[in-house]
C-alpha atoms as a PDB file:
ATOM      1  CA  MET A   1      88.871   0.980  12.360  1.00  0.00           C
ATOM      2  CA  TYR A   2      87.823   1.950   8.819  1.00  0.00           C
ATOM      3  CA  ILE A   3      84.344   0.504   9.332  1.00  0.00           C
ATOM      4  CA  LYS A   4      83.882   2.539  12.526  1.00  0.00           C
ATOM      5  CA  LEU A   5      85.062   5.708  10.763  1.00  0.00           C
ATOM      6  CA  PHE A   6      82.708   4.962   7.844  1.00  0.00           C
ATOM      7  CA  PHE A   7      79.685   4.671  10.147  1.00  0.00           C
ATOM      8  CA  ILE A   8      80.577   7.819  12.097  1.00  0.00           C
ATOM      9  CA  THR A   9      80.903   9.738   8.811  1.00  0.00           C
ATOM     10  CA  LEU A  10      77.656   8.255   7.474  1.00  0.00           C
ATOM     11  CA  ILE A  11      75.708   9.171  10.627  1.00  0.00           C
ATOM     12  CA  THR A  12      77.132  12.708  10.605  1.00  0.00           C
ATOM     13  CA  VAL A  13      76.283  13.250   6.924  1.00  0.00           C
ATOM     14  CA  LEU A  14      72.771  11.873   7.379  1.00  0.00           C
ATOM     15  CA  SER A  15      72.223  13.992  10.499  1.00  0.00           C
ATOM     16  CA  PHE A  16      73.140  17.175   8.646  1.00  0.00           C
ATOM     17  CA  SER A  17      71.163  16.214   5.552  1.00  0.00           C
ATOM     18  CA  ILE A  18      67.900  15.629   7.466  1.00  0.00           C
ATOM     19  CA  GLY A  19      68.427  18.699   9.638  1.00  0.00           C
ATOM     20  CA  ILE A  20      68.997  17.096  13.040  1.00  0.00           C
ATOM     21  CA  ALA A  21      72.565  18.273  13.561  1.00  0.00           C
ATOM     22  CA  GLU A  22      73.870  21.774  13.079  1.00  0.00           C
ATOM     23  CA  GLU A  23      77.443  22.717  13.831  1.00  0.00           C
ATOM     24  CA  GLY A  24      77.801  19.741  16.165  1.00  0.00           C
ATOM     25  CA  LYS A  25      74.608  20.528  18.101  1.00  0.00           C
ATOM     26  CA  ILE A  26      71.308  18.710  18.164  1.00  0.00           C
ATOM     27  CA  LYS A  27      68.314  20.889  17.293  1.00  0.00           C
ATOM     28  CA  MET A  28      64.588  20.335  17.116  1.00  0.00           C
ATOM     29  CA  PRO A  29      63.226  20.044  13.578  1.00  0.00           C
ATOM     30  CA  GLU A  30      61.219  23.103  12.592  1.00  0.00           C
ATOM     31  CA  ASN A  31      57.993  21.095  12.304  1.00  0.00           C
ATOM     32  CA  ASN A  32      58.389  19.837  15.918  1.00  0.00           C
ATOM     33  CA  LEU A  33      57.111  16.406  14.865  1.00  0.00           C
ATOM     34  CA  ILE A  34      60.245  14.459  15.804  1.00  0.00           C
ATOM     35  CA  ALA A  35      61.732  14.330  19.297  1.00  0.00           C
ATOM     36  CA  PRO A  36      65.448  15.120  19.479  1.00  0.00           C
ATOM     37  CA  ALA A  37      66.149  11.706  21.038  1.00  0.00           C
ATOM     38  CA  ASN A  38      64.354   8.421  21.625  1.00  0.00           C
ATOM     39  CA  ILE A  39      62.162   8.217  24.734  1.00  0.00           C
ATOM     40  CA  THR A  40      62.090   4.655  26.017  1.00  0.00           C
ATOM     41  CA  GLY A  41      59.519   4.855  28.798  1.00  0.00           C
ATOM     42  CA  GLN A  42      57.319   6.990  31.009  1.00  0.00           C
ATOM     43  CA  VAL A  43      56.631   7.200  34.760  1.00  0.00           C
ATOM     44  CA  THR A  44      53.882   9.280  36.358  1.00  0.00           C
ATOM     45  CA  PHE A  45      54.583   9.941  40.038  1.00  0.00           C
ATOM     46  CA  LEU A  46      51.739  10.149  42.544  1.00  0.00           C
ATOM     47  CA  TYR A  47      52.232  11.206  46.173  1.00  0.00           C
ATOM     48  CA  TYR A  48      50.594   9.449  49.144  1.00  0.00           C
ATOM     49  CA  ARG A  49      50.176   9.796  52.868  1.00  0.00           C
ATOM     50  CA  ASP A  50      49.123   6.137  53.118  1.00  0.00           C
ATOM     51  CA  MET A  51      51.563   4.069  51.037  1.00  0.00           C
ATOM     52  CA  ASP A  52      50.087   0.784  52.271  1.00  0.00           C
ATOM     53  CA  ALA A  53      46.672   1.664  50.812  1.00  0.00           C
ATOM     54  CA  ALA A  54      48.263   2.809  47.534  1.00  0.00           C
ATOM     55  CA  GLU A  55      50.328  -0.391  47.292  1.00  0.00           C
ATOM     56  CA  ASN A  56      47.230  -2.474  47.969  1.00  0.00           C
ATOM     57  CA  PHE A  57      45.284  -0.659  45.238  1.00  0.00           C
ATOM     58  CA  TYR A  58      47.913  -0.886  42.486  1.00  0.00           C
ATOM     59  CA  GLY A  59      49.447  -4.207  43.483  1.00  0.00           C
ATOM     60  CA  LYS A  60      46.561  -6.277  44.824  1.00  0.00           C
ATOM     61  CA  ILE A  61      43.393  -4.695  43.406  1.00  0.00           C
ATOM     62  CA  LEU A  62      44.680  -3.682  39.948  1.00  0.00           C
ATOM     63  CA  ARG A  63      47.202  -6.557  40.044  1.00  0.00           C
ATOM     64  CA  LEU A  64      49.946  -4.512  38.426  1.00  0.00           C
ATOM     65  CA  LYS A  65      53.498  -5.822  38.580  1.00  0.00           C
ATOM     66  CA  LYS A  66      55.792  -4.033  41.038  1.00  0.00           C
ATOM     67  CA  THR A  67      59.065  -3.405  39.200  1.00  0.00           C
ATOM     68  CA  PHE A  68      60.877  -1.090  41.622  1.00  0.00           C
ATOM     69  CA  ASP A  69      60.802  -0.787  45.411  1.00  0.00           C
ATOM     70  CA  LYS A  70      63.048   1.508  47.403  1.00  0.00           C
ATOM     71  CA  GLY A  71      60.827   1.800  50.474  1.00  0.00           C
ATOM     72  CA  GLY A  72      59.256   5.216  49.974  1.00  0.00           C
ATOM     73  CA  VAL A  73      59.180   4.944  46.165  1.00  0.00           C
ATOM     74  CA  LYS A  74      57.616   2.077  44.219  1.00  0.00           C
ATOM     75  CA  PHE A  75      56.903   1.560  40.504  1.00  0.00           C
ATOM     76  CA  TYR A  76      53.986  -0.451  39.141  1.00  0.00           C
ATOM     77  CA  GLN A  77      54.057  -1.385  35.464  1.00  0.00           C
ATOM     78  CA  LEU A  78      51.132  -0.300  33.259  1.00  0.00           C
ATOM     79  CA  THR A  79      52.516  -1.287  29.853  1.00  0.00           C
ATOM     80  CA  GLU A  80      55.863  -2.549  28.598  1.00  0.00           C
ATOM     81  CA  ASN A  81      57.483   0.856  29.158  1.00  0.00           C
ATOM     82  CA  SER A  82      55.046   2.913  31.237  1.00  0.00           C
ATOM     83  CA  TYR A  83      54.691   2.967  34.999  1.00  0.00           C
ATOM     84  CA  VAL A  84      52.919   4.648  37.864  1.00  0.00           C
ATOM     85  CA  GLY A  85      55.349   5.665  40.594  1.00  0.00           C
ATOM     86  CA  LEU A  86      54.060   5.759  44.160  1.00  0.00           C
ATOM     87  CA  VAL A  87      55.896   8.167  46.437  1.00  0.00           C
ATOM     88  CA  GLY A  88      55.423   8.214  50.194  1.00  0.00           C
ATOM     89  CA  GLU A  89      54.878  11.437  52.102  1.00  0.00           C
ATOM     90  CA  GLY A  90      58.136  13.238  52.785  1.00  0.00           C
ATOM     91  CA  ARG A  91      59.901  11.575  49.832  1.00  0.00           C
ATOM     92  CA  GLY A  92      60.502  12.726  46.274  1.00  0.00           C
ATOM     93  CA  LEU A  93      60.593  16.108  44.603  1.00  0.00           C
ATOM     94  CA  HIS A  94      56.997  17.154  45.320  1.00  0.00           C
ATOM     95  CA  LYS A  95      54.952  17.126  48.483  1.00  0.00           C
ATOM     96  CA  PHE A  96      51.684  15.359  49.170  1.00  0.00           C
ATOM     97  CA  SER A  97      48.712  17.606  48.395  1.00  0.00           C
ATOM     98  CA  ASP A  98      44.984  17.243  48.977  1.00  0.00           C
ATOM     99  CA  SER A  99      44.488  18.674  45.471  1.00  0.00           C
ATOM    100  CA  LYS A 100      44.871  15.979  42.793  1.00  0.00           C
ATOM    101  CA  PRO A 101      45.247  17.690  39.384  1.00  0.00           C
ATOM    102  CA  VAL A 102      46.464  14.439  37.781  1.00  0.00           C
ATOM    103  CA  MET A 103      44.513  11.616  36.147  1.00  0.00           C
ATOM    104  CA  ILE A 104      45.951   8.257  35.107  1.00  0.00           C
ATOM    105  CA  SER A 105      44.171   6.994  31.984  1.00  0.00           C
ATOM    106  CA  MET A 106      44.501   3.335  31.071  1.00  0.00           C
ATOM    107  CA  VAL A 107      43.622   2.378  27.507  1.00  0.00           C
ATOM    108  CA  THR A 108      42.186  -1.131  27.242  1.00  0.00           C
ATOM    109  CA  THR A 109      40.002  -3.152  24.914  1.00  0.00           C
ATOM    110  CA  GLU A 110      38.495  -4.834  27.996  1.00  0.00           C
ATOM    111  CA  VAL A 111      36.691  -1.934  29.703  1.00  0.00           C
ATOM    112  CA  ALA A 112      33.675  -4.084  30.611  1.00  0.00           C
ATOM    113  CA  ILE A 113      35.871  -6.702  32.292  1.00  0.00           C
ATOM    114  CA  TRP A 114      37.718  -4.055  34.304  1.00  0.00           C
ATOM    115  CA  ASP A 115      34.388  -2.487  35.304  1.00  0.00           C
ATOM    116  CA  SER A 116      32.924  -5.808  36.461  1.00  0.00           C
ATOM    117  CA  TYR A 117      36.078  -6.701  38.359  1.00  0.00           C
ATOM    118  CA  LEU A 118      36.532  -3.340  40.110  1.00  0.00           C
ATOM    119  CA  LYS A 119      32.901  -3.399  41.268  1.00  0.00           C
ATOM    120  CA  THR A 120      33.781  -6.533  43.263  1.00  0.00           C
ATOM    121  CA  GLN A 121      36.688  -4.674  44.901  1.00  0.00           C
ATOM    122  CA  ASN A 122      34.608  -1.887  46.498  1.00  0.00           C
ATOM    123  CA  VAL A 123      36.428   0.815  44.536  1.00  0.00           C
ATOM    124  CA  GLU A 124      34.841   4.282  44.594  1.00  0.00           C
ATOM    125  CA  TYR A 125      33.490   5.347  41.190  1.00  0.00           C
ATOM    126  CA  VAL A 126      33.572   8.930  39.916  1.00  0.00           C
ATOM    127  CA  SER A 127      31.712   8.052  36.726  1.00  0.00           C
ATOM    128  CA  ALA A 128      29.979   4.792  35.898  1.00  0.00           C
ATOM    129  CA  TYR A 129      30.632   2.672  32.855  1.00  0.00           C
ATOM    130  CA  ASN A 130      28.105   3.202  30.069  1.00  0.00           C
ATOM    131  CA  PRO A 131      28.853   0.837  27.184  1.00  0.00           C
ATOM    132  CA  GLU A 132      26.540   2.826  24.921  1.00  0.00           C
ATOM    133  CA  GLY A 133      28.514   5.991  25.662  1.00  0.00           C
ATOM    134  CA  ASP A 134      27.703   9.362  24.206  1.00  0.00           C
ATOM    135  CA  ASN A 135      29.052   8.599  20.728  1.00  0.00           C
ATOM    136  CA  GLY A 136      32.258  10.433  21.677  1.00  0.00           C
ATOM    137  CA  PRO A 137      35.743   9.205  20.821  1.00  0.00           C
ATOM    138  CA  VAL A 138      35.959   6.915  23.889  1.00  0.00           C
ATOM    139  CA  HIS A 139      33.836   5.043  26.391  1.00  0.00           C
ATOM    140  CA  GLY A 140      34.875   3.963  29.848  1.00  0.00           C
ATOM    141  CA  PHE A 141      34.673   4.848  33.528  1.00  0.00           C
ATOM    142  CA  ILE A 142      36.615   6.645  36.233  1.00  0.00           C
ATOM    143  CA  VAL A 143      37.439   5.494  39.769  1.00  0.00           C
ATOM    144  CA  LEU A 144      39.357   6.982  42.679  1.00  0.00           C
ATOM    145  CA  ASP A 145      42.494   5.413  44.081  1.00  0.00           C
ATOM    146  CA  PRO A 146      43.082   5.521  47.865  1.00  0.00           C
ATOM    147  CA  GLY A 147      44.943   8.838  47.609  1.00  0.00           C
ATOM    148  CA  GLY A 148      42.101  10.546  45.740  1.00  0.00           C
ATOM    149  CA  TYR A 149      43.651  10.394  42.262  1.00  0.00           C
ATOM    150  CA  THR A 150      41.274   9.760  39.364  1.00  0.00           C
ATOM    151  CA  ILE A 151      41.996   6.584  37.425  1.00  0.00           C
ATOM    152  CA  GLU A 152      40.284   6.257  34.057  1.00  0.00           C
ATOM    153  CA  PHE A 153      39.777   3.031  32.117  1.00  0.00           C
ATOM    154  CA  PHE A 154      38.704   3.622  28.527  1.00  0.00           C
ATOM    155  CA  GLN A 155      38.704   2.284  25.018  1.00  0.00           C
ATOM    156  CA  TRP A 156      38.541   4.104  21.732  1.00  0.00           C
ATOM    157  CA  ASN A 157      35.240   3.978  19.829  1.00  0.00           C
END
């Protein structure tokens, strides 16, 4: 009991002293450099007319692990806590659109391996891999998934 009370008091005092809590409310620090709470993962949702083609691309071609499947919504794992969510037409918050103003960028130290592999899978390229690059901050390539979304594979220079 006393230990629990001690920790509650300690957390409250520390919260006020570093400016996170104010009158019992959580507030953003003025410098906006610290999120008000821990974010443990991220999912980007993409919408498809042809879920079978999308599943084939992410599951069989990219060989990503499927971690969630509720029929019209499926998650494929990109990193330990990031996912691409595939949503079938007529499901989810948004509707399928021919316009694709979203790009999934995958950071990897093995861009050349991904490039060589995807060339064997008849994936449509938007921009080819140029290992020499343009001396910019990254080098990589961009492909299209079956729904027309741009998928970038890059590594930092």
